[in-house]
Amino acid sequence: MPVYVYWGEDDFAMEKAVAVLRDRVLDPLWTSFNYTSLPPDQHDAAIAGLNQAMTPAFGAGGRLVWLVNTTLCQNCPENVLDELTRTLPVIPENSFLLLTSRNKPDERLKSTKLLKKLANEFREFPLIPPWKTELLVQSVNQVAQTVGVKLTPQTAELIAEAVGNDTRLLYNEIEKLRLYSSDSRKSLDVDTVTQLVRNTTQNSLQLAAAIRMGDTAKALTILAGLINAAEPGLRIVATLIGQFRTWLLVRMAMESGERNPQAIAQAAEVTNPKRIYFLQQEVKSLSVQQLISCLPLLLKLEVSLKQGSEEISVLQTKVIELCQVCQPNRH
């Protein structure tokens, strides 16, 4: 019963995993006979997919049935659950059933429990939080090694700052560097990476820094640059929320009298304790109350964007409000 369940917000990483599975299962000459992709808006897609999965593969290779963006792990009707229970244990060995979804499976559902029990692979593809810089650098190094690009610690950090948690952009930028580099054995220098790699997330972090300093003019200038670069508003907000949350946790630890960098790092969910010194310097000018006051504004901004508010206007308004909260005289 070869069953695979992929879920998470990193669409690009999931697409690559699907492509790997597809190439492994299907024989190129028999793909048109043995490959079925069923979208979520197709009537009875789950039942149709299970029926297809029970059909033996034609010719060489195996069969792959893909339920795209399925909701079986969020909402599974009783008749579909019954069909899952009957079918999953008896799927032929050379027939593969793949379920993908952006949404987190509901662990309480019988369908989720059944799939977790029977699936060969039940795998999450999460986006790395933009403020988890160590994990972002680790991801850059992994992709560079896969593509065949040699980086120094400094250039890996530059790329992580530039692309953030956008896996698709990361692969594109690393591939660009591979094409540019004539010698894969030689590490790329800082100047080359700076010139070639498009920088977006670093600007979002710069935006957070400008807001922290209460510099409204600088913050609006950086925001305009992000908007002109077509950076999605929700991605900007995600970076801001993560950064302000980290600053708040560090500041609260300082207020409590904690001095141990390891303890503060653990409280603030910072992987590398060496970052704590710099974070402490960044929040010296802000009170806990100021940082607390910023989070509701950021959450309101996120809600407004998700509800379809005019992006530029609402971003500008909230950035101004945030800068006012962070003014040095507001303690």
Protein backbone atom coordinates (compact mmCIF):
# COMPACT_ATOMS: atom_id res chain seq x y z
CA MET A 1 0.00 0.00 0.00
CA PRO A 2 2.31 2.79 -1.21
CA VAL A 3 0.62 5.91 0.21
CA TYR A 4 2.31 9.33 0.50
CA VAL A 5 0.95 12.41 2.30
CA TYR A 6 2.72 15.76 1.75
CA TRP A 7 1.56 18.98 3.41
CA GLY A 8 2.85 22.44 4.29
CA GLU A 9 3.27 26.00 3.07
CA ASP A 10 6.55 25.55 1.18
CA ASP A 11 4.93 24.94 -2.20
CA PHE A 12 8.20 24.80 -4.13
CA ALA A 13 9.85 22.22 -1.87
CA MET A 14 6.69 20.13 -2.06
CA GLU A 15 6.62 20.40 -5.87
CA LYS A 16 10.21 19.12 -6.02
CA ALA A 17 9.33 16.16 -3.77
CA VAL A 18 6.32 15.36 -5.97
CA ALA A 19 8.54 15.50 -9.07
CA VAL A 20 11.05 13.12 -7.44
CA LEU A 21 8.29 10.66 -6.55
CA ARG A 22 6.77 10.94 -10.03
CA ASP A 23 10.11 10.25 -11.72
CA ARG A 24 10.74 7.29 -9.43
CA VAL A 25 7.35 5.66 -9.95
CA LEU A 26 6.51 6.28 -13.60
CA ASP A 27 8.10 4.92 -16.75
CA PRO A 28 8.30 7.86 -19.24
CA LEU A 29 6.91 5.72 -22.06
CA TRP A 30 3.83 4.77 -20.04
CA THR A 31 3.13 8.03 -18.18
CA SER A 32 -0.03 8.88 -20.14
CA PHE A 33 -1.54 5.53 -19.08
CA ASN A 34 -0.37 5.43 -15.47
CA TYR A 35 -0.46 9.02 -14.17
CA THR A 36 -3.62 10.70 -12.87
CA SER A 37 -3.83 14.13 -11.23
CA LEU A 38 -7.15 15.02 -9.62
CA PRO A 39 -7.85 18.67 -8.61
CA PRO A 40 -9.93 19.41 -5.49
CA ASP A 41 -12.82 20.93 -7.46
CA GLN A 42 -13.43 17.70 -9.38
CA HIS A 43 -16.60 15.98 -8.25
CA ASP A 44 -15.86 13.00 -5.97
CA ALA A 45 -12.11 13.41 -6.58
CA ALA A 46 -11.20 11.30 -3.53
CA ILE A 47 -13.42 8.36 -4.54
CA ALA A 48 -12.21 8.57 -8.14
CA GLY A 49 -8.60 8.66 -6.94
CA LEU A 50 -9.03 5.60 -4.75
CA ASN A 51 -10.64 3.71 -7.64
CA GLN A 52 -7.77 4.70 -9.93
CA ALA A 53 -5.21 3.61 -7.33
CA MET A 54 -6.77 0.14 -7.30
CA THR A 55 -6.20 -0.23 -11.05
CA PRO A 56 -2.97 -2.13 -11.84
CA ALA A 57 -0.35 -0.24 -13.81
CA PHE A 58 -0.12 -0.74 -17.57
CA GLY A 59 3.18 -1.71 -19.15
CA ALA A 60 6.42 -0.79 -17.42
CA GLY A 61 6.81 1.22 -14.23
CA GLY A 62 4.14 1.91 -11.65
CA ARG A 63 0.93 3.93 -11.38
CA LEU A 64 0.71 7.30 -9.60
CA VAL A 65 -2.58 8.87 -8.53
CA TRP A 66 -2.27 12.38 -7.09
CA LEU A 67 -5.04 14.06 -5.09
CA VAL A 68 -4.01 17.72 -5.40
CA ASN A 69 -4.83 20.09 -2.49
CA THR A 70 -7.10 17.50 -0.96
CA THR A 71 -9.09 18.23 2.22
CA LEU A 72 -9.22 14.62 3.44
CA CYS A 73 -7.12 15.54 6.49
CA GLN A 74 -9.29 18.55 7.33
CA ASN A 75 -12.78 17.35 6.47
CA CYS A 76 -13.55 13.79 5.44
CA PRO A 77 -17.18 12.74 4.80
CA GLU A 78 -18.24 9.41 6.29
CA ASN A 79 -18.66 7.70 2.92
CA VAL A 80 -15.14 8.75 1.87
CA LEU A 81 -13.71 7.56 5.20
CA ASP A 82 -15.35 4.17 4.66
CA GLU A 83 -13.81 3.98 1.19
CA LEU A 84 -10.39 4.97 2.56
CA THR A 85 -10.60 2.30 5.25
CA ARG A 86 -11.48 -0.37 2.67
CA THR A 87 -9.06 0.69 -0.05
CA LEU A 88 -5.80 1.86 1.52
CA PRO A 89 -4.72 -1.54 2.94
CA VAL A 90 -5.22 -3.31 -0.42
CA ILE A 91 -3.70 -0.85 -2.92
CA PRO A 92 -1.43 -2.82 -5.30
CA GLU A 93 2.30 -2.60 -4.61
CA ASN A 94 3.08 -0.87 -7.92
CA SER A 95 0.26 1.66 -7.53
CA PHE A 96 1.06 4.83 -5.58
CA LEU A 97 -1.44 7.23 -3.99
CA LEU A 98 -0.23 10.76 -3.25
CA LEU A 99 -2.18 13.33 -1.23
CA THR A 100 -1.00 16.94 -0.95
CA SER A 101 -2.35 19.92 0.97
CA ARG A 102 -1.16 23.33 2.14
CA ASN A 103 -3.13 22.99 5.38
CA LYS A 104 -2.03 21.20 8.51
CA PRO A 105 -3.77 17.83 9.01
CA ASP A 106 -6.32 17.71 11.80
CA GLU A 107 -4.88 15.09 14.15
CA ARG A 108 -8.33 14.45 15.65
CA LEU A 109 -9.86 13.18 12.41
CA LYS A 110 -10.16 9.44 11.80
CA SER A 111 -8.96 9.97 8.23
CA THR A 112 -5.76 11.66 9.43
CA LYS A 113 -5.11 8.90 11.97
CA LEU A 114 -5.67 6.27 9.30
CA LEU A 115 -3.34 7.94 6.81
CA LYS A 116 -0.63 8.46 9.44
CA LYS A 117 -0.85 4.79 10.31
CA LEU A 118 -0.75 3.45 6.76
CA ALA A 119 1.28 6.02 4.79
CA ASN A 120 4.82 5.17 3.69
CA GLU A 121 5.62 8.84 4.15
CA PHE A 122 3.68 11.51 6.07
CA ARG A 123 5.81 14.58 5.51
CA GLU A 124 5.56 18.28 6.31
CA PHE A 125 7.08 21.00 4.09
CA PRO A 126 7.13 24.01 6.43
CA LEU A 127 8.39 27.47 5.63
CA ILE A 128 11.31 28.44 7.84
CA PRO A 129 10.31 31.46 9.97
CA PRO A 130 12.07 34.52 8.47
CA TRP A 131 13.70 35.36 11.81
CA LYS A 132 15.32 31.91 12.21
CA THR A 133 18.51 33.03 10.50
CA GLU A 134 20.57 29.96 11.42
CA LEU A 135 18.04 27.63 9.77
CA LEU A 136 17.89 29.87 6.69
CA VAL A 137 21.69 29.74 6.35
CA GLN A 138 21.57 25.96 6.77
CA SER A 139 18.98 25.75 3.98
CA VAL A 140 21.17 27.92 1.70
CA ASN A 141 24.16 25.65 2.26
CA GLN A 142 22.09 22.53 1.55
CA VAL A 143 20.76 23.91 -1.73
CA ALA A 144 24.20 25.18 -2.76
CA GLN A 145 25.65 21.72 -2.16
CA THR A 146 22.84 20.11 -4.16
CA VAL A 147 23.22 22.51 -7.10
CA GLY A 148 27.01 22.48 -7.00
CA VAL A 149 27.91 25.99 -5.82
CA LYS A 150 30.64 26.62 -3.28
CA LEU A 151 29.92 29.32 -0.68
CA THR A 152 31.77 30.85 2.22
CA PRO A 153 29.97 31.35 5.57
CA GLN A 154 29.69 35.05 4.75
CA THR A 155 28.18 34.57 1.27
CA ALA A 156 25.77 31.96 2.65
CA GLU A 157 24.55 34.51 5.20
CA LEU A 158 24.18 37.16 2.48
CA ILE A 159 22.00 34.86 0.40
CA ALA A 160 19.92 33.85 3.42
CA GLU A 161 19.32 37.52 4.23
CA ALA A 162 18.42 38.23 0.61
CA VAL A 163 15.95 35.44 -0.15
CA GLY A 164 14.57 34.64 3.31
CA ASN A 165 12.35 31.55 3.37
CA ASP A 166 11.38 31.69 -0.31
CA THR A 167 12.63 28.27 -1.46
CA ARG A 168 11.77 28.88 -5.11
CA LEU A 169 13.74 32.14 -5.13
CA LEU A 170 16.62 30.43 -3.30
CA TYR A 171 16.94 27.75 -5.99
CA ASN A 172 16.69 30.39 -8.74
CA GLU A 173 19.41 32.53 -7.20
CA ILE A 174 21.73 29.59 -6.51
CA GLU A 175 21.23 28.36 -10.08
CA LYS A 176 22.07 31.86 -11.34
CA LEU A 177 25.29 31.77 -9.31
CA ARG A 178 26.12 28.32 -10.69
CA LEU A 179 25.73 29.53 -14.26
CA TYR A 180 27.87 32.60 -13.53
CA SER A 181 30.64 30.67 -11.79
CA SER A 182 33.11 29.07 -14.21
CA ASP A 183 34.87 27.09 -11.48
CA SER A 184 32.66 25.08 -9.12
CA ARG A 185 35.67 24.36 -6.87
CA LYS A 186 36.17 28.05 -6.06
CA SER A 187 34.03 29.80 -3.46
CA LEU A 188 32.07 32.81 -4.72
CA ASP A 189 33.13 36.14 -3.25
CA VAL A 190 30.93 38.67 -1.45
CA ASP A 191 30.97 41.21 -4.30
CA THR A 192 29.71 38.67 -6.84
CA VAL A 193 26.89 37.48 -4.59
CA THR A 194 25.89 41.05 -3.69
CA GLN A 195 25.68 42.05 -7.36
CA LEU A 196 23.80 38.96 -8.57
CA VAL A 197 21.36 38.03 -5.79
CA ARG A 198 18.15 40.02 -5.52
CA ASN A 199 17.63 41.26 -1.98
CA THR A 200 14.14 41.34 -0.45
CA THR A 201 14.05 39.85 3.04
CA GLN A 202 17.05 41.86 4.18
CA ASN A 203 15.04 44.96 3.29
CA SER A 204 12.14 43.63 5.37
CA LEU A 205 14.54 43.29 8.29
CA GLN A 206 15.82 46.80 7.55
CA LEU A 207 12.19 47.93 7.65
CA ALA A 208 11.83 46.35 11.09
CA ALA A 209 14.99 48.15 12.24
CA ALA A 210 13.75 51.52 10.93
CA ILE A 211 10.42 51.02 12.74
CA ARG A 212 12.26 50.02 15.93
CA MET A 213 14.14 53.33 15.80
CA GLY A 214 10.92 55.26 15.14
CA ASP A 215 12.35 56.59 11.85
CA THR A 216 9.13 57.06 9.87
CA ALA A 217 10.74 58.58 6.75
CA LYS A 218 13.31 55.80 6.43
CA ALA A 219 10.70 53.11 7.11
CA LEU A 220 8.38 54.42 4.39
CA THR A 221 11.28 54.63 1.92
CA ILE A 222 12.24 51.00 2.58
CA LEU A 223 8.58 49.97 2.34
CA ALA A 224 8.29 51.72 -1.04
CA GLY A 225 11.32 49.80 -2.26
CA LEU A 226 9.78 46.51 -1.16
CA ILE A 227 6.49 47.32 -2.88
CA ASN A 228 8.31 48.31 -6.08
CA ALA A 229 10.16 45.00 -5.96
CA ALA A 230 6.74 43.24 -5.82
CA GLU A 231 7.41 41.79 -2.39
CA PRO A 232 4.10 40.30 -1.10
CA GLY A 233 2.62 42.28 1.78
CA LEU A 234 1.95 39.17 3.86
CA ARG A 235 5.60 38.14 3.57
CA ILE A 236 6.70 41.58 4.79
CA VAL A 237 4.30 41.31 7.74
CA ALA A 238 5.51 37.79 8.57
CA THR A 239 9.08 39.07 8.84
CA LEU A 240 8.00 42.02 11.00
CA ILE A 241 5.93 39.85 13.35
CA GLY A 242 8.77 37.39 13.79
CA GLN A 243 11.34 40.11 14.43
CA PHE A 244 9.19 42.06 16.91
CA ARG A 245 8.23 38.87 18.72
CA THR A 246 11.92 37.98 19.14
CA TRP A 247 12.74 41.49 20.34
CA LEU A 248 9.89 41.34 22.87
CA LEU A 249 11.01 37.99 24.29
CA VAL A 250 14.61 39.21 24.59
CA ARG A 251 13.51 42.45 26.25
CA MET A 252 11.26 40.58 28.71
CA ALA A 253 14.16 38.31 29.64
CA MET A 254 16.37 41.40 30.24
CA GLU A 255 13.67 43.01 32.39
CA SER A 256 13.43 39.87 34.50
CA GLY A 257 17.13 40.18 35.30
CA GLU A 258 18.27 37.20 33.23
CA ARG A 259 21.90 37.56 32.11
CA ASN A 260 22.71 34.11 30.75
CA PRO A 261 22.75 34.27 26.92
CA GLN A 262 21.82 30.57 26.64
CA ALA A 263 18.78 31.06 28.88
CA ILE A 264 17.69 34.17 26.98
CA ALA A 265 18.20 32.37 23.66
CA GLN A 266 16.02 29.51 24.84
CA ALA A 267 13.29 31.88 26.07
CA ALA A 268 13.36 33.87 22.81
CA GLU A 269 13.57 30.74 20.62
CA VAL A 270 16.88 31.92 19.13
CA THR A 271 19.01 29.02 17.91
CA ASN A 272 22.39 30.73 18.22
CA PRO A 273 23.07 32.26 21.69
CA LYS A 274 25.77 34.46 20.10
CA ARG A 275 22.97 36.55 18.54
CA ILE A 276 21.64 37.52 21.97
CA TYR A 277 24.21 40.26 22.55
CA PHE A 278 23.24 42.00 19.31
CA LEU A 279 19.52 41.59 19.99
CA GLN A 280 20.01 43.11 23.44
CA GLN A 281 21.70 46.13 21.90
CA GLU A 282 18.83 46.50 19.42
CA VAL A 283 16.10 46.61 22.08
CA LYS A 284 17.90 48.81 24.61
CA SER A 285 16.00 51.90 23.48
CA LEU A 286 12.56 50.22 23.68
CA SER A 287 10.43 49.30 26.67
CA VAL A 288 8.53 46.05 27.03
CA GLN A 289 5.28 48.01 26.76
CA GLN A 290 6.30 49.56 23.44
CA LEU A 291 7.12 46.16 21.99
CA ILE A 292 3.89 44.68 23.34
CA SER A 293 1.95 47.54 21.74
CA CYS A 294 3.46 46.76 18.33
CA LEU A 295 2.18 43.19 18.09
CA PRO A 296 -1.59 43.99 17.97
CA LEU A 297 -0.89 46.54 15.22
CA LEU A 298 1.01 43.93 13.23
CA LEU A 299 -1.73 41.34 13.73
CA LYS A 300 -4.36 43.87 12.60
CA LEU A 301 -2.23 44.56 9.53
CA GLU A 302 -2.03 40.84 8.76
CA VAL A 303 -5.81 40.46 9.11
CA SER A 304 -6.47 43.50 6.91
CA LEU A 305 -4.25 42.12 4.14
CA LYS A 306 -5.88 38.68 4.34
CA GLN A 307 -9.31 40.31 4.10
CA GLY A 308 -8.32 42.05 0.87
CA SER A 309 -7.65 45.61 2.03
CA GLU A 310 -5.77 47.90 -0.36
CA GLU A 311 -2.21 46.70 0.26
CA ILE A 312 -0.10 49.84 -0.17
CA SER A 313 -2.38 52.09 1.85
CA VAL A 314 -2.80 49.75 4.81
CA LEU A 315 0.94 48.94 4.90
CA GLN A 316 1.87 52.62 4.92
CA THR A 317 -0.69 53.45 7.62
CA LYS A 318 0.43 50.68 9.97
CA VAL A 319 4.13 51.41 9.42
CA ILE A 320 3.51 55.03 10.46
CA GLU A 321 1.58 53.88 13.54
CA LEU A 322 4.34 51.42 14.47
CA CYS A 323 7.00 54.12 14.13
CA GLN A 324 4.97 56.38 16.42
CA VAL A 325 4.77 53.65 19.07
CA CYS A 326 8.55 53.18 18.89
CA GLN A 327 9.44 56.87 19.22
CA PRO A 328 12.27 57.22 21.80
CA ASN A 329 10.20 59.47 24.08
CA ARG A 330 7.34 56.94 24.36
CA HIS A 331 8.28 54.88 27.41
